[in-house]
Amino acid sequence: MNRNLALLLVGLFLTLTTFAQNDPAQRPSPPAEATGTVNGKTITIKYSQPSAKGRTVFGGIVPYGQVWRTGANETTSIEFSDNVTLEGKSVAKGKYALFTIPGEKDWTVILNKTIKWGAFSYKQDEDVLRVTVPARKAKAFAEKFAINVSNKGVVSMAWADAQVDFTVK
């Protein structure tokens, strides 16, 4: 009887840990969503929130001058319910991968056709749009990477002591 009980408990433990690992909310970088409506057009960004954890973020774990998936885990996606402009450039209604290339003074914001895991499958020839926007020091330190969409169409990305904004209309 004791052996059967032990086997049952081991099986239950393995089942629970397997399900816990598959629950995205339990990840060290949990999923998040930023949504806003600008002039009747909805912008939805789905991403994962890595934490700084005392590390140097930009120029450290996120190198300057390299394509970043703009979050953690799956590729960050941005979806527009209608045709929009991003920093004055036309973008068709649809869902895109949102990549960035962080720099000390400015970032390149990239919309790409392919949404896959991370930035490992990124191909520049699949870019739909690239714009360069200024980077600045954030007003407050952000432990977790966060994206916000204002009702004026300003998309703000902040993590650690850095903030980058771009405008969608």
N, C-alpha and C. Protein backbone atom coordinates (compact mmCIF):
# COMPACT_ATOMS: atom_id res chain seq x y z
N MET A 1 0.82 -1.20 0.00
CA MET A 1 0.00 0.00 0.00
C MET A 1 0.86 1.26 0.00
N ASN A 2 1.93 1.28 0.81
CA ASN A 2 2.81 2.44 0.88
C ASN A 2 3.50 2.70 -0.45
N ARG A 3 3.87 1.59 -1.14
CA ARG A 3 4.53 1.75 -2.44
C ARG A 3 3.58 2.38 -3.45
N ASN A 4 2.33 1.95 -3.46
CA ASN A 4 1.33 2.51 -4.37
C ASN A 4 1.08 3.98 -4.07
N LEU A 5 1.02 4.32 -2.80
CA LEU A 5 0.82 5.71 -2.41
C LEU A 5 2.00 6.57 -2.85
N ALA A 6 3.21 6.05 -2.68
CA ALA A 6 4.41 6.78 -3.10
C ALA A 6 4.40 7.00 -4.61
N LEU A 7 4.04 5.97 -5.37
CA LEU A 7 3.98 6.11 -6.82
C LEU A 7 2.91 7.11 -7.24
N LEU A 8 1.78 7.09 -6.56
CA LEU A 8 0.72 8.05 -6.85
C LEU A 8 1.18 9.48 -6.59
N LEU A 9 1.86 9.69 -5.47
CA LEU A 9 2.35 11.03 -5.14
C LEU A 9 3.41 11.52 -6.13
N VAL A 10 4.30 10.63 -6.53
CA VAL A 10 5.32 11.00 -7.53
C VAL A 10 4.64 11.36 -8.85
N GLY A 11 3.66 10.56 -9.27
CA GLY A 11 2.92 10.86 -10.50
C GLY A 11 2.20 12.19 -10.43
N LEU A 12 1.57 12.45 -9.30
CA LEU A 12 0.86 13.73 -9.10
C LEU A 12 1.84 14.90 -9.16
N PHE A 13 2.99 14.75 -8.51
CA PHE A 13 4.00 15.81 -8.51
C PHE A 13 4.49 16.10 -9.92
N LEU A 14 4.80 15.05 -10.68
CA LEU A 14 5.28 15.23 -12.05
C LEU A 14 4.22 15.89 -12.93
N THR A 15 2.98 15.51 -12.75
CA THR A 15 1.89 16.11 -13.52
C THR A 15 1.76 17.60 -13.21
N LEU A 16 1.78 17.94 -11.95
CA LEU A 16 1.63 19.34 -11.54
C LEU A 16 2.80 20.19 -12.02
N THR A 17 4.03 19.68 -11.92
CA THR A 17 5.18 20.49 -12.37
C THR A 17 5.17 20.64 -13.88
N THR A 18 4.71 19.63 -14.59
CA THR A 18 4.62 19.74 -16.06
C THR A 18 3.62 20.82 -16.45
N PHE A 19 2.45 20.83 -15.82
CA PHE A 19 1.45 21.85 -16.13
C PHE A 19 1.91 23.23 -15.71
N ALA A 20 2.61 23.34 -14.60
CA ALA A 20 3.09 24.65 -14.13
C ALA A 20 4.09 25.23 -15.10
N GLN A 21 4.94 24.39 -15.70
CA GLN A 21 5.92 24.89 -16.66
C GLN A 21 5.26 25.35 -17.95
N ASN A 22 4.10 24.81 -18.27
CA ASN A 22 3.41 25.19 -19.49
C ASN A 22 2.51 26.41 -19.31
N ASP A 23 2.36 26.88 -18.09
CA ASP A 23 1.51 28.04 -17.82
C ASP A 23 2.33 29.31 -18.05
N PRO A 24 2.05 30.06 -19.13
CA PRO A 24 2.85 31.27 -19.42
C PRO A 24 2.89 32.28 -18.27
N ALA A 25 1.82 32.36 -17.48
CA ALA A 25 1.79 33.32 -16.38
C ALA A 25 2.81 32.98 -15.30
N GLN A 26 3.29 31.75 -15.28
CA GLN A 26 4.26 31.32 -14.27
C GLN A 26 5.71 31.49 -14.75
N ARG A 27 5.91 31.95 -15.94
CA ARG A 27 7.27 32.15 -16.47
C ARG A 27 7.97 33.28 -15.74
N PRO A 28 9.29 33.26 -15.70
CA PRO A 28 10.03 34.38 -15.11
C PRO A 28 9.77 35.71 -15.85
N SER A 29 9.46 35.61 -17.14
CA SER A 29 9.09 36.78 -17.95
C SER A 29 7.66 36.56 -18.43
N PRO A 30 6.67 36.94 -17.61
CA PRO A 30 5.27 36.63 -17.93
C PRO A 30 4.74 37.43 -19.12
N PRO A 31 3.69 36.91 -19.76
CA PRO A 31 3.09 37.63 -20.89
C PRO A 31 2.35 38.88 -20.43
N ALA A 32 2.30 39.85 -21.32
CA ALA A 32 1.59 41.11 -21.05
C ALA A 32 0.99 41.60 -22.36
N GLU A 33 0.04 42.53 -22.23
CA GLU A 33 -0.60 43.10 -23.41
C GLU A 33 -0.82 44.59 -23.19
N ALA A 34 -0.52 45.36 -24.20
CA ALA A 34 -0.79 46.81 -24.19
C ALA A 34 -1.75 47.10 -25.32
N THR A 35 -2.84 47.80 -25.01
CA THR A 35 -3.84 48.11 -26.02
C THR A 35 -4.25 49.57 -25.90
N GLY A 36 -4.49 50.20 -27.02
CA GLY A 36 -4.99 51.56 -27.04
C GLY A 36 -5.81 51.79 -28.30
N THR A 37 -6.69 52.78 -28.23
CA THR A 37 -7.50 53.15 -29.40
C THR A 37 -7.20 54.59 -29.74
N VAL A 38 -6.82 54.80 -30.99
CA VAL A 38 -6.47 56.13 -31.48
C VAL A 38 -7.32 56.41 -32.71
N ASN A 39 -8.17 57.44 -32.61
CA ASN A 39 -9.05 57.80 -33.73
C ASN A 39 -9.82 56.58 -34.25
N GLY A 40 -10.32 55.75 -33.33
CA GLY A 40 -11.11 54.59 -33.71
C GLY A 40 -10.32 53.40 -34.16
N LYS A 41 -9.00 53.50 -34.17
CA LYS A 41 -8.14 52.40 -34.61
C LYS A 41 -7.49 51.77 -33.37
N THR A 42 -7.59 50.46 -33.25
CA THR A 42 -7.05 49.76 -32.09
C THR A 42 -5.63 49.26 -32.37
N ILE A 43 -4.76 49.47 -31.39
CA ILE A 43 -3.38 48.99 -31.43
C ILE A 43 -3.26 47.99 -30.30
N THR A 44 -2.82 46.77 -30.62
CA THR A 44 -2.64 45.74 -29.60
C THR A 44 -1.22 45.20 -29.70
N ILE A 45 -0.52 45.23 -28.58
CA ILE A 45 0.85 44.72 -28.53
C ILE A 45 0.90 43.60 -27.50
N LYS A 46 1.37 42.42 -27.92
CA LYS A 46 1.53 41.29 -27.02
C LYS A 46 3.01 41.00 -26.89
N TYR A 47 3.47 40.92 -25.64
CA TYR A 47 4.89 40.77 -25.37
C TYR A 47 5.09 40.05 -24.04
N SER A 48 6.33 39.75 -23.71
CA SER A 48 6.66 39.18 -22.41
C SER A 48 7.55 40.16 -21.66
N GLN A 49 7.43 40.15 -20.32
CA GLN A 49 8.08 41.15 -19.47
C GLN A 49 9.30 40.61 -18.72
N PRO A 50 10.49 40.73 -19.31
CA PRO A 50 11.67 40.35 -18.54
C PRO A 50 11.93 41.36 -17.41
N SER A 51 12.66 40.93 -16.40
CA SER A 51 13.02 41.80 -15.27
C SER A 51 14.51 42.11 -15.31
N ALA A 52 14.88 43.26 -14.78
CA ALA A 52 16.28 43.68 -14.75
C ALA A 52 17.10 42.81 -13.79
N LYS A 53 16.58 42.52 -12.62
CA LYS A 53 17.24 41.67 -11.62
C LYS A 53 18.66 42.12 -11.31
N GLY A 54 18.87 43.44 -11.23
CA GLY A 54 20.19 43.97 -10.89
C GLY A 54 21.21 43.94 -12.01
N ARG A 55 20.80 43.52 -13.18
CA ARG A 55 21.73 43.42 -14.32
C ARG A 55 21.75 44.72 -15.11
N THR A 56 22.83 44.94 -15.85
CA THR A 56 22.88 46.03 -16.81
C THR A 56 22.05 45.57 -17.99
N VAL A 57 21.00 46.33 -18.32
CA VAL A 57 20.07 45.89 -19.35
C VAL A 57 20.58 46.28 -20.73
N PHE A 58 20.47 47.56 -21.09
CA PHE A 58 20.87 47.99 -22.43
C PHE A 58 22.36 48.24 -22.46
N GLY A 59 23.01 47.60 -23.43
CA GLY A 59 24.46 47.61 -23.47
C GLY A 59 25.03 46.48 -22.62
N GLY A 60 24.15 45.64 -22.06
CA GLY A 60 24.52 44.49 -21.24
C GLY A 60 23.82 43.26 -21.76
N ILE A 61 22.73 42.84 -21.07
CA ILE A 61 22.01 41.64 -21.52
C ILE A 61 21.29 41.87 -22.85
N VAL A 62 21.00 43.12 -23.16
CA VAL A 62 20.46 43.50 -24.48
C VAL A 62 21.53 44.37 -25.15
N PRO A 63 22.33 43.77 -26.02
CA PRO A 63 23.45 44.52 -26.62
C PRO A 63 22.97 45.67 -27.52
N TYR A 64 23.73 46.74 -27.51
CA TYR A 64 23.48 47.83 -28.45
C TYR A 64 23.80 47.36 -29.87
N GLY A 65 23.03 47.87 -30.84
CA GLY A 65 23.33 47.61 -32.24
C GLY A 65 22.91 46.26 -32.78
N GLN A 66 22.17 45.47 -31.97
CA GLN A 66 21.73 44.15 -32.43
C GLN A 66 20.21 44.05 -32.36
N VAL A 67 19.63 43.27 -33.26
CA VAL A 67 18.18 43.09 -33.27
C VAL A 67 17.76 42.42 -31.97
N TRP A 68 16.73 43.01 -31.33
CA TRP A 68 16.18 42.49 -30.08
C TRP A 68 14.71 42.17 -30.31
N ARG A 69 14.22 41.11 -29.72
CA ARG A 69 12.81 40.71 -29.89
C ARG A 69 11.85 41.63 -29.14
N THR A 70 12.38 42.60 -28.42
CA THR A 70 11.58 43.62 -27.73
C THR A 70 10.71 42.98 -26.66
N GLY A 71 11.36 42.29 -25.77
CA GLY A 71 10.72 41.58 -24.69
C GLY A 71 11.45 40.27 -24.47
N ALA A 72 10.70 39.24 -24.08
CA ALA A 72 11.28 37.92 -23.84
C ALA A 72 10.38 36.86 -24.46
N ASN A 73 10.86 35.63 -24.45
CA ASN A 73 10.09 34.48 -24.93
C ASN A 73 9.69 34.64 -26.40
N GLU A 74 8.38 34.54 -26.69
CA GLU A 74 7.93 34.65 -28.07
C GLU A 74 8.23 36.05 -28.62
N THR A 75 8.24 36.14 -29.94
CA THR A 75 8.41 37.43 -30.58
C THR A 75 7.26 38.36 -30.18
N THR A 76 7.57 39.59 -29.89
CA THR A 76 6.55 40.59 -29.59
C THR A 76 5.76 40.87 -30.87
N SER A 77 4.43 40.95 -30.73
CA SER A 77 3.59 41.25 -31.90
C SER A 77 2.87 42.57 -31.69
N ILE A 78 2.63 43.26 -32.80
CA ILE A 78 1.85 44.49 -32.79
C ILE A 78 0.80 44.35 -33.88
N GLU A 79 -0.45 44.68 -33.52
CA GLU A 79 -1.55 44.52 -34.46
C GLU A 79 -2.33 45.82 -34.57
N PHE A 80 -2.68 46.18 -35.80
CA PHE A 80 -3.46 47.39 -36.08
C PHE A 80 -4.80 46.97 -36.67
N SER A 81 -5.89 47.51 -36.13
CA SER A 81 -7.22 47.14 -36.61
C SER A 81 -7.56 47.81 -37.94
N ASP A 82 -6.75 48.80 -38.34
CA ASP A 82 -7.00 49.53 -39.57
C ASP A 82 -5.65 50.05 -40.07
N ASN A 83 -5.61 50.60 -41.26
CA ASN A 83 -4.39 51.22 -41.77
C ASN A 83 -3.99 52.37 -40.85
N VAL A 84 -2.70 52.51 -40.59
CA VAL A 84 -2.19 53.55 -39.70
C VAL A 84 -0.93 54.16 -40.30
N THR A 85 -0.41 55.16 -39.60
CA THR A 85 0.95 55.63 -39.88
C THR A 85 1.75 55.45 -38.60
N LEU A 86 2.97 55.04 -38.75
CA LEU A 86 3.89 54.89 -37.63
C LEU A 86 5.05 55.83 -37.90
N GLU A 87 5.18 56.82 -37.06
CA GLU A 87 6.19 57.87 -37.27
C GLU A 87 6.07 58.45 -38.68
N GLY A 88 4.82 58.62 -39.14
CA GLY A 88 4.57 59.26 -40.43
C GLY A 88 4.64 58.33 -41.63
N LYS A 89 4.99 57.06 -41.42
CA LYS A 89 5.08 56.11 -42.54
C LYS A 89 3.86 55.18 -42.52
N SER A 90 3.30 54.93 -43.70
CA SER A 90 2.09 54.11 -43.82
C SER A 90 2.34 52.65 -43.48
N VAL A 91 1.37 52.09 -42.73
CA VAL A 91 1.40 50.67 -42.38
C VAL A 91 0.00 50.12 -42.60
N ALA A 92 -0.10 49.02 -43.33
CA ALA A 92 -1.40 48.40 -43.60
C ALA A 92 -1.93 47.69 -42.36
N LYS A 93 -3.24 47.66 -42.27
CA LYS A 93 -3.93 46.90 -41.22
C LYS A 93 -3.32 45.50 -41.17
N GLY A 94 -3.12 44.98 -39.94
CA GLY A 94 -2.59 43.62 -39.82
C GLY A 94 -1.76 43.43 -38.57
N LYS A 95 -1.16 42.25 -38.50
CA LYS A 95 -0.35 41.86 -37.34
C LYS A 95 1.09 41.66 -37.79
N TYR A 96 2.02 42.23 -37.02
CA TYR A 96 3.43 42.22 -37.37
C TYR A 96 4.27 41.83 -36.15
N ALA A 97 5.48 41.35 -36.42
CA ALA A 97 6.47 41.18 -35.36
C ALA A 97 7.06 42.55 -35.08
N LEU A 98 7.27 42.87 -33.81
CA LEU A 98 7.88 44.15 -33.41
C LEU A 98 9.28 43.86 -32.88
N PHE A 99 10.27 44.24 -33.65
CA PHE A 99 11.66 44.12 -33.24
C PHE A 99 12.22 45.53 -33.04
N THR A 100 13.30 45.63 -32.31
CA THR A 100 14.00 46.90 -32.15
C THR A 100 15.50 46.65 -32.21
N ILE A 101 16.23 47.70 -32.52
CA ILE A 101 17.69 47.68 -32.40
C ILE A 101 18.04 48.81 -31.44
N PRO A 102 18.28 48.49 -30.17
CA PRO A 102 18.59 49.53 -29.19
C PRO A 102 19.97 50.16 -29.44
N GLY A 103 20.04 51.45 -29.18
CA GLY A 103 21.30 52.17 -29.22
C GLY A 103 21.35 53.11 -28.03
N GLU A 104 22.49 53.68 -27.76
CA GLU A 104 22.61 54.59 -26.63
C GLU A 104 21.77 55.85 -26.81
N LYS A 105 21.74 56.38 -28.05
CA LYS A 105 21.04 57.64 -28.30
C LYS A 105 19.75 57.48 -29.08
N ASP A 106 19.64 56.41 -29.86
CA ASP A 106 18.40 56.17 -30.59
C ASP A 106 18.20 54.69 -30.81
N TRP A 107 16.96 54.33 -31.15
CA TRP A 107 16.61 52.95 -31.43
C TRP A 107 15.99 52.87 -32.82
N THR A 108 16.17 51.74 -33.46
CA THR A 108 15.46 51.45 -34.70
C THR A 108 14.27 50.57 -34.33
N VAL A 109 13.08 51.02 -34.71
CA VAL A 109 11.85 50.26 -34.50
C VAL A 109 11.55 49.56 -35.82
N ILE A 110 11.30 48.24 -35.74
CA ILE A 110 11.13 47.42 -36.93
C ILE A 110 9.79 46.69 -36.88
N LEU A 111 9.02 46.77 -37.95
CA LEU A 111 7.87 45.90 -38.13
C LEU A 111 8.27 44.87 -39.17
N ASN A 112 8.03 43.59 -38.85
CA ASN A 112 8.48 42.50 -39.70
C ASN A 112 7.30 41.56 -39.97
N LYS A 113 7.31 40.90 -41.11
CA LYS A 113 6.22 40.01 -41.50
C LYS A 113 6.15 38.73 -40.67
N THR A 114 7.28 38.25 -40.16
CA THR A 114 7.34 36.92 -39.56
C THR A 114 7.29 36.96 -38.04
N ILE A 115 6.29 36.28 -37.48
CA ILE A 115 6.14 36.18 -36.03
C ILE A 115 6.48 34.74 -35.64
N LYS A 116 7.64 34.56 -35.02
CA LYS A 116 8.09 33.25 -34.55
C LYS A 116 8.65 33.42 -33.15
N TRP A 117 9.34 32.42 -32.65
CA TRP A 117 9.93 32.47 -31.32
C TRP A 117 11.17 33.36 -31.33
N GLY A 118 11.22 34.37 -30.46
CA GLY A 118 12.41 35.20 -30.29
C GLY A 118 12.83 35.93 -31.55
N ALA A 119 14.12 36.25 -31.62
CA ALA A 119 14.67 36.95 -32.78
C ALA A 119 15.55 36.03 -33.61
N PHE A 120 15.51 34.73 -33.29
CA PHE A 120 16.40 33.79 -33.95
C PHE A 120 16.11 33.62 -35.43
N SER A 121 14.86 33.78 -35.82
CA SER A 121 14.49 33.60 -37.22
C SER A 121 14.32 34.93 -37.95
N TYR A 122 14.74 36.03 -37.31
CA TYR A 122 14.58 37.36 -37.92
C TYR A 122 15.34 37.43 -39.24
N LYS A 123 14.67 37.97 -40.26
CA LYS A 123 15.29 38.21 -41.56
C LYS A 123 14.96 39.63 -41.98
N GLN A 124 15.99 40.43 -42.21
CA GLN A 124 15.79 41.83 -42.56
C GLN A 124 14.98 41.99 -43.84
N ASP A 125 15.12 41.06 -44.77
CA ASP A 125 14.37 41.20 -46.03
C ASP A 125 12.86 41.01 -45.85
N GLU A 126 12.41 40.63 -44.62
CA GLU A 126 10.99 40.52 -44.33
C GLU A 126 10.46 41.74 -43.56
N ASP A 127 11.31 42.77 -43.44
CA ASP A 127 10.88 44.01 -42.78
C ASP A 127 9.82 44.72 -43.62
N VAL A 128 8.81 45.23 -42.92
CA VAL A 128 7.77 46.02 -43.56
C VAL A 128 8.08 47.50 -43.37
N LEU A 129 8.72 47.81 -42.24
CA LEU A 129 8.99 49.21 -41.88
C LEU A 129 10.16 49.28 -40.92
N ARG A 130 10.96 50.33 -41.06
CA ARG A 130 12.01 50.66 -40.10
C ARG A 130 11.98 52.16 -39.89
N VAL A 131 11.99 52.57 -38.62
CA VAL A 131 12.10 53.99 -38.28
C VAL A 131 13.08 54.13 -37.12
N THR A 132 13.72 55.27 -37.05
CA THR A 132 14.64 55.55 -35.96
C THR A 132 14.01 56.59 -35.05
N VAL A 133 14.02 56.30 -33.76
CA VAL A 133 13.44 57.20 -32.76
C VAL A 133 14.46 57.43 -31.65
N PRO A 134 14.38 58.60 -30.99
CA PRO A 134 15.34 58.89 -29.92
C PRO A 134 15.08 58.05 -28.67
N ALA A 135 16.17 57.70 -28.00
CA ALA A 135 16.09 57.04 -26.69
C ALA A 135 16.36 58.09 -25.63
N ARG A 136 15.74 57.91 -24.47
CA ARG A 136 15.99 58.87 -23.39
C ARG A 136 16.01 58.15 -22.06
N LYS A 137 16.48 58.84 -21.06
CA LYS A 137 16.49 58.29 -19.71
C LYS A 137 15.07 58.35 -19.17
N ALA A 138 14.60 57.23 -18.61
CA ALA A 138 13.25 57.16 -18.06
C ALA A 138 13.15 58.01 -16.79
N LYS A 139 11.94 58.50 -16.52
CA LYS A 139 11.72 59.30 -15.31
C LYS A 139 11.91 58.47 -14.05
N ALA A 140 11.57 57.17 -14.13
CA ALA A 140 11.71 56.28 -12.99
C ALA A 140 12.24 54.93 -13.48
N PHE A 141 12.99 54.25 -12.65
CA PHE A 141 13.52 52.94 -12.98
C PHE A 141 12.38 51.93 -13.12
N ALA A 142 12.41 51.14 -14.18
CA ALA A 142 11.40 50.11 -14.42
C ALA A 142 12.05 48.74 -14.28
N GLU A 143 11.71 48.02 -13.22
CA GLU A 143 12.27 46.68 -13.00
C GLU A 143 11.85 45.73 -14.11
N LYS A 144 10.58 45.80 -14.52
CA LYS A 144 10.07 44.94 -15.59
C LYS A 144 9.89 45.75 -16.87
N PHE A 145 10.21 45.14 -17.98
CA PHE A 145 9.98 45.75 -19.28
C PHE A 145 8.48 45.99 -19.45
N ALA A 146 8.10 47.19 -19.86
CA ALA A 146 6.69 47.52 -20.01
C ALA A 146 6.46 48.34 -21.27
N ILE A 147 5.33 48.07 -21.91
CA ILE A 147 4.90 48.83 -23.07
C ILE A 147 3.55 49.44 -22.74
N ASN A 148 3.36 50.69 -23.12
CA ASN A 148 2.10 51.40 -22.90
C ASN A 148 1.68 52.07 -24.21
N VAL A 149 0.38 52.05 -24.49
CA VAL A 149 -0.17 52.74 -25.66
C VAL A 149 -1.12 53.81 -25.14
N SER A 150 -0.80 55.08 -25.39
CA SER A 150 -1.67 56.17 -24.94
C SER A 150 -2.79 56.40 -25.95
N ASN A 151 -3.83 57.10 -25.52
CA ASN A 151 -4.94 57.42 -26.42
C ASN A 151 -4.55 58.46 -27.47
N LYS A 152 -3.36 59.03 -27.34
CA LYS A 152 -2.85 59.96 -28.36
C LYS A 152 -1.98 59.23 -29.38
N GLY A 153 -1.84 57.90 -29.20
CA GLY A 153 -1.07 57.12 -30.16
C GLY A 153 0.40 57.02 -29.85
N VAL A 154 0.81 57.41 -28.66
CA VAL A 154 2.22 57.29 -28.30
C VAL A 154 2.45 55.91 -27.68
N VAL A 155 3.30 55.13 -28.31
CA VAL A 155 3.69 53.83 -27.78
C VAL A 155 5.00 54.03 -27.03
N SER A 156 4.97 53.75 -25.73
CA SER A 156 6.16 53.92 -24.88
C SER A 156 6.67 52.55 -24.46
N MET A 157 7.96 52.36 -24.61
CA MET A 157 8.62 51.15 -24.15
C MET A 157 9.65 51.57 -23.11
N ALA A 158 9.55 50.97 -21.91
CA ALA A 158 10.47 51.35 -20.83
C ALA A 158 10.99 50.12 -20.12
N TRP A 159 12.28 50.16 -19.82
CA TRP A 159 12.89 49.10 -19.03
C TRP A 159 14.17 49.65 -18.44
N ALA A 160 14.39 49.30 -17.19
CA ALA A 160 15.55 49.79 -16.44
C ALA A 160 15.48 51.32 -16.45
N ASP A 161 16.51 51.98 -16.95
CA ASP A 161 16.51 53.45 -16.94
C ASP A 161 16.32 54.05 -18.33
N ALA A 162 15.85 53.23 -19.28
CA ALA A 162 15.68 53.70 -20.66
C ALA A 162 14.20 53.74 -21.06
N GLN A 163 13.88 54.71 -21.92
CA GLN A 163 12.53 54.81 -22.48
C GLN A 163 12.63 55.22 -23.93
N VAL A 164 11.78 54.61 -24.75
CA VAL A 164 11.70 54.92 -26.17
C VAL A 164 10.23 55.04 -26.53
N ASP A 165 9.88 56.09 -27.29
CA ASP A 165 8.51 56.32 -27.71
C ASP A 165 8.45 56.39 -29.25
N PHE A 166 7.33 55.90 -29.79
CA PHE A 166 7.04 56.15 -31.20
C PHE A 166 5.54 56.42 -31.31
N THR A 167 5.15 57.10 -32.39
CA THR A 167 3.77 57.54 -32.53
C THR A 167 3.07 56.80 -33.66
N VAL A 168 1.83 56.36 -33.34
CA VAL A 168 0.96 55.70 -34.32
C VAL A 168 -0.30 56.54 -34.44
N LYS A 169 -0.69 56.86 -35.68
CA LYS A 169 -1.92 57.63 -35.93
C LYS A 169 -2.77 56.94 -36.98
